[in-house]
Amino acid sequence: MDMEAGKTLTNEEVIRELLDLLKKNAMKEQANDVFEICSYVDGLEKKIDSMTEELTNMQNQIKEMQEDTLVNNG
């Protein structure tokens, strides 16, 4: 699932419709559970994106270090 700018699972139209249906059918607890799960998934996506960016930065730093070593020892 790709996180576009400002797009989260909790803002998806289908999820909002599901939450409305659950609430209308006196299933408020289930609606809360669905919302909490979606919020948790949104949080995980943000963490994964952050970790991916950090790993990319680390790879670039290692590449620069290797290039510097080759230039200085070559």
PDB file of N, CA and C in Angstrom:
ATOM      1  N   MET A   1       0.833  -1.180   0.000  1.00  0.00           N
ATOM      2  CA  MET A   1       0.000   0.000   0.000  1.00  0.00           C
ATOM      3  C   MET A   1       0.877   1.242   0.000  1.00  0.00           C
ATOM      4  N   ASP A   2       0.675   2.088  -1.001  1.00  0.00           N
ATOM      5  CA  ASP A   2       1.517   3.263  -1.153  1.00  0.00           C
ATOM      6  C   ASP A   2       0.903   4.445  -0.428  1.00  0.00           C
ATOM      7  N   MET A   3       1.700   5.104   0.420  1.00  0.00           N
ATOM      8  CA  MET A   3       1.184   6.247   1.154  1.00  0.00           C
ATOM      9  C   MET A   3       1.440   7.523   0.363  1.00  0.00           C
ATOM     10  N   GLU A   4       0.399   7.976  -0.350  1.00  0.00           N
ATOM     11  CA  GLU A   4       0.511   9.223  -1.086  1.00  0.00           C
ATOM     12  C   GLU A   4       0.415  10.357  -0.074  1.00  0.00           C
ATOM     13  N   ALA A   5       0.657  11.578  -0.539  1.00  0.00           N
ATOM     14  CA  ALA A   5       0.659  12.744   0.350  1.00  0.00           C
ATOM     15  C   ALA A   5      -0.667  12.845   1.090  1.00  0.00           C
ATOM     16  N   GLY A   6      -0.625  12.649   2.405  1.00  0.00           N
ATOM     17  CA  GLY A   6      -1.806  12.805   3.239  1.00  0.00           C
ATOM     18  C   GLY A   6      -2.807  11.667   3.157  1.00  0.00           C
ATOM     19  N   LYS A   7      -2.515  10.646   2.392  1.00  0.00           N
ATOM     20  CA  LYS A   7      -3.456   9.539   2.231  1.00  0.00           C
ATOM     21  C   LYS A   7      -3.184   8.462   3.276  1.00  0.00           C
ATOM     22  N   THR A   8      -4.206   8.173   4.066  1.00  0.00           N
ATOM     23  CA  THR A   8      -4.064   7.144   5.092  1.00  0.00           C
ATOM     24  C   THR A   8      -5.239   6.176   4.996  1.00  0.00           C
ATOM     25  N   LEU A   9      -5.061   5.033   5.582  1.00  0.00           N
ATOM     26  CA  LEU A   9      -6.111   4.022   5.571  1.00  0.00           C
ATOM     27  C   LEU A   9      -7.366   4.537   6.269  1.00  0.00           C
ATOM     28  N   THR A  10      -7.190   5.278   7.357  1.00  0.00           N
ATOM     29  CA  THR A  10      -8.347   5.790   8.100  1.00  0.00           C
ATOM     30  C   THR A  10      -9.130   6.835   7.293  1.00  0.00           C
ATOM     31  N   ASN A  11      -8.521   7.395   6.250  1.00  0.00           N
ATOM     32  CA  ASN A  11      -9.215   8.368   5.405  1.00  0.00           C
ATOM     33  C   ASN A  11      -9.783   7.747   4.131  1.00  0.00           C
ATOM     34  N   GLU A  12      -9.560   6.465   3.930  1.00  0.00           N
ATOM     35  CA  GLU A  12     -10.090   5.793   2.744  1.00  0.00           C
ATOM     36  C   GLU A  12     -11.619   5.795   2.786  1.00  0.00           C
ATOM     37  N   GLU A  13     -12.209   6.070   1.646  1.00  0.00           N
ATOM     38  CA  GLU A  13     -13.674   6.142   1.565  1.00  0.00           C
ATOM     39  C   GLU A  13     -14.330   4.827   1.983  1.00  0.00           C
ATOM     40  N   VAL A  14     -13.768   3.715   1.542  1.00  0.00           N
ATOM     41  CA  VAL A  14     -14.337   2.399   1.864  1.00  0.00           C
ATOM     42  C   VAL A  14     -14.322   2.157   3.381  1.00  0.00           C
ATOM     43  N   ILE A  15     -13.242   2.545   4.034  1.00  0.00           N
ATOM     44  CA  ILE A  15     -13.139   2.361   5.487  1.00  0.00           C
ATOM     45  C   ILE A  15     -14.150   3.256   6.197  1.00  0.00           C
ATOM     46  N   ARG A  16     -14.283   4.492   5.730  1.00  0.00           N
ATOM     47  CA  ARG A  16     -15.264   5.396   6.346  1.00  0.00           C
ATOM     48  C   ARG A  16     -16.681   4.852   6.194  1.00  0.00           C
ATOM     49  N   GLU A  17     -16.981   4.290   5.018  1.00  0.00           N
ATOM     50  CA  GLU A  17     -18.301   3.686   4.793  1.00  0.00           C
ATOM     51  C   GLU A  17     -18.518   2.496   5.715  1.00  0.00           C
ATOM     52  N   LEU A  18     -17.496   1.675   5.879  1.00  0.00           N
ATOM     53  CA  LEU A  18     -17.592   0.530   6.783  1.00  0.00           C
ATOM     54  C   LEU A  18     -17.857   0.993   8.214  1.00  0.00           C
ATOM     55  N   LEU A  19     -17.117   2.016   8.655  1.00  0.00           N
ATOM     56  CA  LEU A  19     -17.308   2.532  10.008  1.00  0.00           C
ATOM     57  C   LEU A  19     -18.729   3.072  10.191  1.00  0.00           C
ATOM     58  N   ASP A  20     -19.248   3.781   9.200  1.00  0.00           N
ATOM     59  CA  ASP A  20     -20.616   4.299   9.271  1.00  0.00           C
ATOM     60  C   ASP A  20     -21.631   3.167   9.367  1.00  0.00           C
ATOM     61  N   LEU A  21     -21.448   2.132   8.542  1.00  0.00           N
ATOM     62  CA  LEU A  21     -22.366   0.989   8.576  1.00  0.00           C
ATOM     63  C   LEU A  21     -22.342   0.295   9.932  1.00  0.00           C
ATOM     64  N   LEU A  22     -21.149   0.106  10.481  1.00  0.00           N
ATOM     65  CA  LEU A  22     -21.042  -0.538  11.787  1.00  0.00           C
ATOM     66  C   LEU A  22     -21.756   0.281  12.860  1.00  0.00           C
ATOM     67  N   LYS A  23     -21.558   1.588  12.826  1.00  0.00           N
ATOM     68  CA  LYS A  23     -22.196   2.456  13.817  1.00  0.00           C
ATOM     69  C   LYS A  23     -23.714   2.441  13.672  1.00  0.00           C
ATOM     70  N   LYS A  24     -24.205   2.448  12.436  1.00  0.00           N
ATOM     71  CA  LYS A  24     -25.654   2.426  12.187  1.00  0.00           C
ATOM     72  C   LYS A  24     -26.288   1.123  12.645  1.00  0.00           C
ATOM     73  N   ASN A  25     -25.515   0.060  12.674  1.00  0.00           N
ATOM     74  CA  ASN A  25     -26.018  -1.253  13.081  1.00  0.00           C
ATOM     75  C   ASN A  25     -25.678  -1.565  14.534  1.00  0.00           C
ATOM     76  N   ALA A  26     -25.506  -0.514  15.322  1.00  0.00           N
ATOM     77  CA  ALA A  26     -25.232  -0.646  16.758  1.00  0.00           C
ATOM     78  C   ALA A  26     -24.013  -1.515  17.036  1.00  0.00           C
ATOM     79  N   MET A  27     -22.988  -1.347  16.239  1.00  0.00           N
ATOM     80  CA  MET A  27     -21.750  -2.102  16.409  1.00  0.00           C
ATOM     81  C   MET A  27     -20.601  -1.120  16.634  1.00  0.00           C
ATOM     82  N   LYS A  28     -20.825  -0.211  17.591  1.00  0.00           N
ATOM     83  CA  LYS A  28     -19.845   0.844  17.861  1.00  0.00           C
ATOM     84  C   LYS A  28     -18.501   0.266  18.298  1.00  0.00           C
ATOM     85  N   GLU A  29     -18.513  -0.792  19.101  1.00  0.00           N
ATOM     86  CA  GLU A  29     -17.260  -1.407  19.558  1.00  0.00           C
ATOM     87  C   GLU A  29     -16.456  -1.949  18.381  1.00  0.00           C
ATOM     88  N   GLN A  30     -17.154  -2.615  17.450  1.00  0.00           N
ATOM     89  CA  GLN A  30     -16.475  -3.138  16.268  1.00  0.00           C
ATOM     90  C   GLN A  30     -15.943  -1.995  15.397  1.00  0.00           C
ATOM     91  N   ALA A  31     -16.716  -0.904  15.307  1.00  0.00           N
ATOM     92  CA  ALA A  31     -16.263   0.259  14.543  1.00  0.00           C
ATOM     93  C   ALA A  31     -14.995   0.822  15.167  1.00  0.00           C
ATOM     94  N   ASN A  32     -14.962   0.905  16.487  1.00  0.00           N
ATOM     95  CA  ASN A  32     -13.764   1.388  17.174  1.00  0.00           C
ATOM     96  C   ASN A  32     -12.578   0.469  16.918  1.00  0.00           C
ATOM     97  N   ASP A  33     -12.820  -0.844  16.936  1.00  0.00           N
ATOM     98  CA  ASP A  33     -11.744  -1.813  16.674  1.00  0.00           C
ATOM     99  C   ASP A  33     -11.180  -1.641  15.264  1.00  0.00           C
ATOM    100  N   VAL A  34     -12.070  -1.491  14.276  1.00  0.00           N
ATOM    101  CA  VAL A  34     -11.635  -1.308  12.889  1.00  0.00           C
ATOM    102  C   VAL A  34     -10.811  -0.032  12.771  1.00  0.00           C
ATOM    103  N   PHE A  35     -11.292   1.059  13.401  1.00  0.00           N
ATOM    104  CA  PHE A  35     -10.571   2.325  13.343  1.00  0.00           C
ATOM    105  C   PHE A  35      -9.188   2.191  13.981  1.00  0.00           C
ATOM    106  N   GLU A  36      -9.115   1.516  15.131  1.00  0.00           N
ATOM    107  CA  GLU A  36      -7.829   1.334  15.808  1.00  0.00           C
ATOM    108  C   GLU A  36      -6.855   0.517  14.961  1.00  0.00           C
ATOM    109  N   ILE A  37      -7.359  -0.527  14.319  1.00  0.00           N
ATOM    110  CA  ILE A  37      -6.507  -1.361  13.462  1.00  0.00           C
ATOM    111  C   ILE A  37      -5.984  -0.531  12.287  1.00  0.00           C
ATOM    112  N   CYS A  38      -6.869   0.255  11.668  1.00  0.00           N
ATOM    113  CA  CYS A  38      -6.459   1.095  10.533  1.00  0.00           C
ATOM    114  C   CYS A  38      -5.425   2.128  10.980  1.00  0.00           C
ATOM    115  N   SER A  39      -5.629   2.714  12.147  1.00  0.00           N
ATOM    116  CA  SER A  39      -4.670   3.695  12.673  1.00  0.00           C
ATOM    117  C   SER A  39      -3.321   3.036  12.929  1.00  0.00           C
ATOM    118  N   TYR A  40      -3.346   1.809  13.452  1.00  0.00           N
ATOM    119  CA  TYR A  40      -2.114   1.065  13.711  1.00  0.00           C
ATOM    120  C   TYR A  40      -1.361   0.801  12.404  1.00  0.00           C
ATOM    121  N   VAL A  41      -2.103   0.382  11.365  1.00  0.00           N
ATOM    122  CA  VAL A  41      -1.493   0.112  10.058  1.00  0.00           C
ATOM    123  C   VAL A  41      -0.904   1.400   9.479  1.00  0.00           C
ATOM    124  N   ASP A  42      -1.636   2.515   9.624  1.00  0.00           N
ATOM    125  CA  ASP A  42      -1.117   3.804   9.156  1.00  0.00           C
ATOM    126  C   ASP A  42       0.202   4.132   9.851  1.00  0.00           C
ATOM    127  N   GLY A  43       0.252   3.906  11.161  1.00  0.00           N
ATOM    128  CA  GLY A  43       1.478   4.161  11.925  1.00  0.00           C
ATOM    129  C   GLY A  43       2.631   3.282  11.458  1.00  0.00           C
ATOM    130  N   LEU A  44       2.335   2.009  11.199  1.00  0.00           N
ATOM    131  CA  LEU A  44       3.375   1.093  10.707  1.00  0.00           C
ATOM    132  C   LEU A  44       3.909   1.543   9.347  1.00  0.00           C
ATOM    133  N   GLU A  45       2.999   1.990   8.482  1.00  0.00           N
ATOM    134  CA  GLU A  45       3.443   2.466   7.163  1.00  0.00           C
ATOM    135  C   GLU A  45       4.392   3.651   7.300  1.00  0.00           C
ATOM    136  N   LYS A  46       4.075   4.563   8.191  1.00  0.00           N
ATOM    137  CA  LYS A  46       4.940   5.723   8.409  1.00  0.00           C
ATOM    138  C   LYS A  46       6.306   5.286   8.924  1.00  0.00           C
ATOM    139  N   LYS A  47       6.321   4.321   9.849  1.00  0.00           N
ATOM    140  CA  LYS A  47       7.594   3.830  10.386  1.00  0.00           C
ATOM    141  C   LYS A  47       8.411   3.139   9.303  1.00  0.00           C
ATOM    142  N   ILE A  48       7.755   2.345   8.470  1.00  0.00           N
ATOM    143  CA  ILE A  48       8.459   1.639   7.397  1.00  0.00           C
ATOM    144  C   ILE A  48       9.029   2.640   6.398  1.00  0.00           C
ATOM    145  N   ASP A  49       8.242   3.660   6.048  1.00  0.00           N
ATOM    146  CA  ASP A  49       8.744   4.692   5.132  1.00  0.00           C
ATOM    147  C   ASP A  49       9.969   5.380   5.720  1.00  0.00           C
ATOM    148  N   SER A  50       9.899   5.687   7.007  1.00  0.00           N
ATOM    149  CA  SER A  50      11.012   6.354   7.688  1.00  0.00           C
ATOM    150  C   SER A  50      12.248   5.459   7.705  1.00  0.00           C
ATOM    151  N   MET A  51      12.051   4.183   7.996  1.00  0.00           N
ATOM    152  CA  MET A  51      13.171   3.249   8.034  1.00  0.00           C
ATOM    153  C   MET A  51      13.778   3.060   6.649  1.00  0.00           C
ATOM    154  N   THR A  52      12.938   3.006   5.629  1.00  0.00           N
ATOM    155  CA  THR A  52      13.419   2.861   4.259  1.00  0.00           C
ATOM    156  C   THR A  52      14.272   4.061   3.870  1.00  0.00           C
ATOM    157  N   GLU A  53      13.808   5.248   4.232  1.00  0.00           N
ATOM    158  CA  GLU A  53      14.574   6.462   3.937  1.00  0.00           C
ATOM    159  C   GLU A  53      15.907   6.452   4.675  1.00  0.00           C
ATOM    160  N   GLU A  54      15.893   6.022   5.924  1.00  0.00           N
ATOM    161  CA  GLU A  54      17.126   5.963   6.710  1.00  0.00           C
ATOM    162  C   GLU A  54      18.112   4.965   6.110  1.00  0.00           C
ATOM    163  N   LEU A  55      17.609   3.813   5.683  1.00  0.00           N
ATOM    164  CA  LEU A  55      18.484   2.809   5.064  1.00  0.00           C
ATOM    165  C   LEU A  55      19.078   3.318   3.746  1.00  0.00           C
ATOM    166  N   THR A  56      18.277   4.026   2.976  1.00  0.00           N
ATOM    167  CA  THR A  56      18.769   4.604   1.721  1.00  0.00           C
ATOM    168  C   THR A  56      19.884   5.602   2.008  1.00  0.00           C
ATOM    169  N   ASN A  57      19.688   6.435   3.023  1.00  0.00           N
ATOM    170  CA  ASN A  57      20.726   7.395   3.403  1.00  0.00           C
ATOM    171  C   ASN A  57      22.003   6.685   3.843  1.00  0.00           C
ATOM    172  N   MET A  58      21.850   5.600   4.608  1.00  0.00           N
ATOM    173  CA  MET A  58      23.014   4.844   5.061  1.00  0.00           C
ATOM    174  C   MET A  58      23.749   4.217   3.873  1.00  0.00           C
ATOM    175  N   GLN A  59      23.000   3.685   2.912  1.00  0.00           N
ATOM    176  CA  GLN A  59      23.615   3.096   1.722  1.00  0.00           C
ATOM    177  C   GLN A  59      24.405   4.152   0.952  1.00  0.00           C
ATOM    178  N   ASN A  60      23.826   5.343   0.832  1.00  0.00           N
ATOM    179  CA  ASN A  60      24.524   6.425   0.130  1.00  0.00           C
ATOM    180  C   ASN A  60      25.799   6.830   0.863  1.00  0.00           C
ATOM    181  N   GLN A  61      25.735   6.887   2.192  1.00  0.00           N
ATOM    182  CA  GLN A  61      26.917   7.236   2.984  1.00  0.00           C
ATOM    183  C   GLN A  61      28.011   6.182   2.827  1.00  0.00           C
ATOM    184  N   ILE A  62      27.632   4.916   2.841  1.00  0.00           N
ATOM    185  CA  ILE A  62      28.611   3.832   2.673  1.00  0.00           C
ATOM    186  C   ILE A  62      29.239   3.920   1.291  1.00  0.00           C
ATOM    187  N   LYS A  63      28.406   4.194   0.279  1.00  0.00           N
ATOM    188  CA  LYS A  63      28.920   4.313  -1.087  1.00  0.00           C
ATOM    189  C   LYS A  63      29.929   5.455  -1.183  1.00  0.00           C
ATOM    190  N   GLU A  64      29.594   6.597  -0.555  1.00  0.00           N
ATOM    191  CA  GLU A  64      30.514   7.739  -0.557  1.00  0.00           C
ATOM    192  C   GLU A  64      31.820   7.398   0.160  1.00  0.00           C
ATOM    193  N   MET A  65      31.725   6.682   1.268  1.00  0.00           N
ATOM    194  CA  MET A  65      32.917   6.287   2.017  1.00  0.00           C
ATOM    195  C   MET A  65      33.791   5.368   1.185  1.00  0.00           C
ATOM    196  N   GLN A  66      33.166   4.428   0.463  1.00  0.00           N
ATOM    197  CA  GLN A  66      33.921   3.509  -0.375  1.00  0.00           C
ATOM    198  C   GLN A  66      34.603   4.268  -1.509  1.00  0.00           C
ATOM    199  N   GLU A  67      33.883   5.217  -2.100  1.00  0.00           N
ATOM    200  CA  GLU A  67      34.473   6.008  -3.190  1.00  0.00           C
ATOM    201  C   GLU A  67      35.635   6.847  -2.679  1.00  0.00           C
ATOM    202  N   ASP A  68      35.473   7.442  -1.494  1.00  0.00           N
ATOM    203  CA  ASP A  68      36.560   8.236  -0.885  1.00  0.00           C
ATOM    204  C   ASP A  68      37.772   7.365  -0.638  1.00  0.00           C
ATOM    205  N   THR A  69      37.553   6.148  -0.166  1.00  0.00           N
ATOM    206  CA  THR A  69      38.654   5.226   0.121  1.00  0.00           C
ATOM    207  C   THR A  69      39.388   4.878  -1.171  1.00  0.00           C
ATOM    208  N   LEU A  70      38.643   4.631  -2.238  1.00  0.00           N
ATOM    209  CA  LEU A  70      39.270   4.304  -3.525  1.00  0.00           C
ATOM    210  C   LEU A  70      40.076   5.491  -4.048  1.00  0.00           C
ATOM    211  N   VAL A  71      39.523   6.686  -3.932  1.00  0.00           N
ATOM    212  CA  VAL A  71      40.222   7.888  -4.421  1.00  0.00           C
ATOM    213  C   VAL A  71      41.496   8.135  -3.603  1.00  0.00           C
ATOM    214  N   ASN A  72      41.401   7.996  -2.289  1.00  0.00           N
ATOM    215  CA  ASN A  72      42.544   8.284  -1.413  1.00  0.00           C
ATOM    216  C   ASN A  72      43.624   7.201  -1.469  1.00  0.00           C
ATOM    217  N   ASN A  73      43.236   5.965  -1.755  1.00  0.00           N
ATOM    218  CA  ASN A  73      44.206   4.877  -1.796  1.00  0.00           C
ATOM    219  C   ASN A  73      44.642   4.537  -3.215  1.00  0.00           C
ATOM    220  N   GLY A  74      43.961   5.132  -4.177  1.00  0.00           N
ATOM    221  CA  GLY A  74      44.232   4.782  -5.575  1.00  0.00           C
ATOM    222  C   GLY A  74      45.315   5.539  -6.109  1.00  0.00           C
TER     223      GLY A  74
END
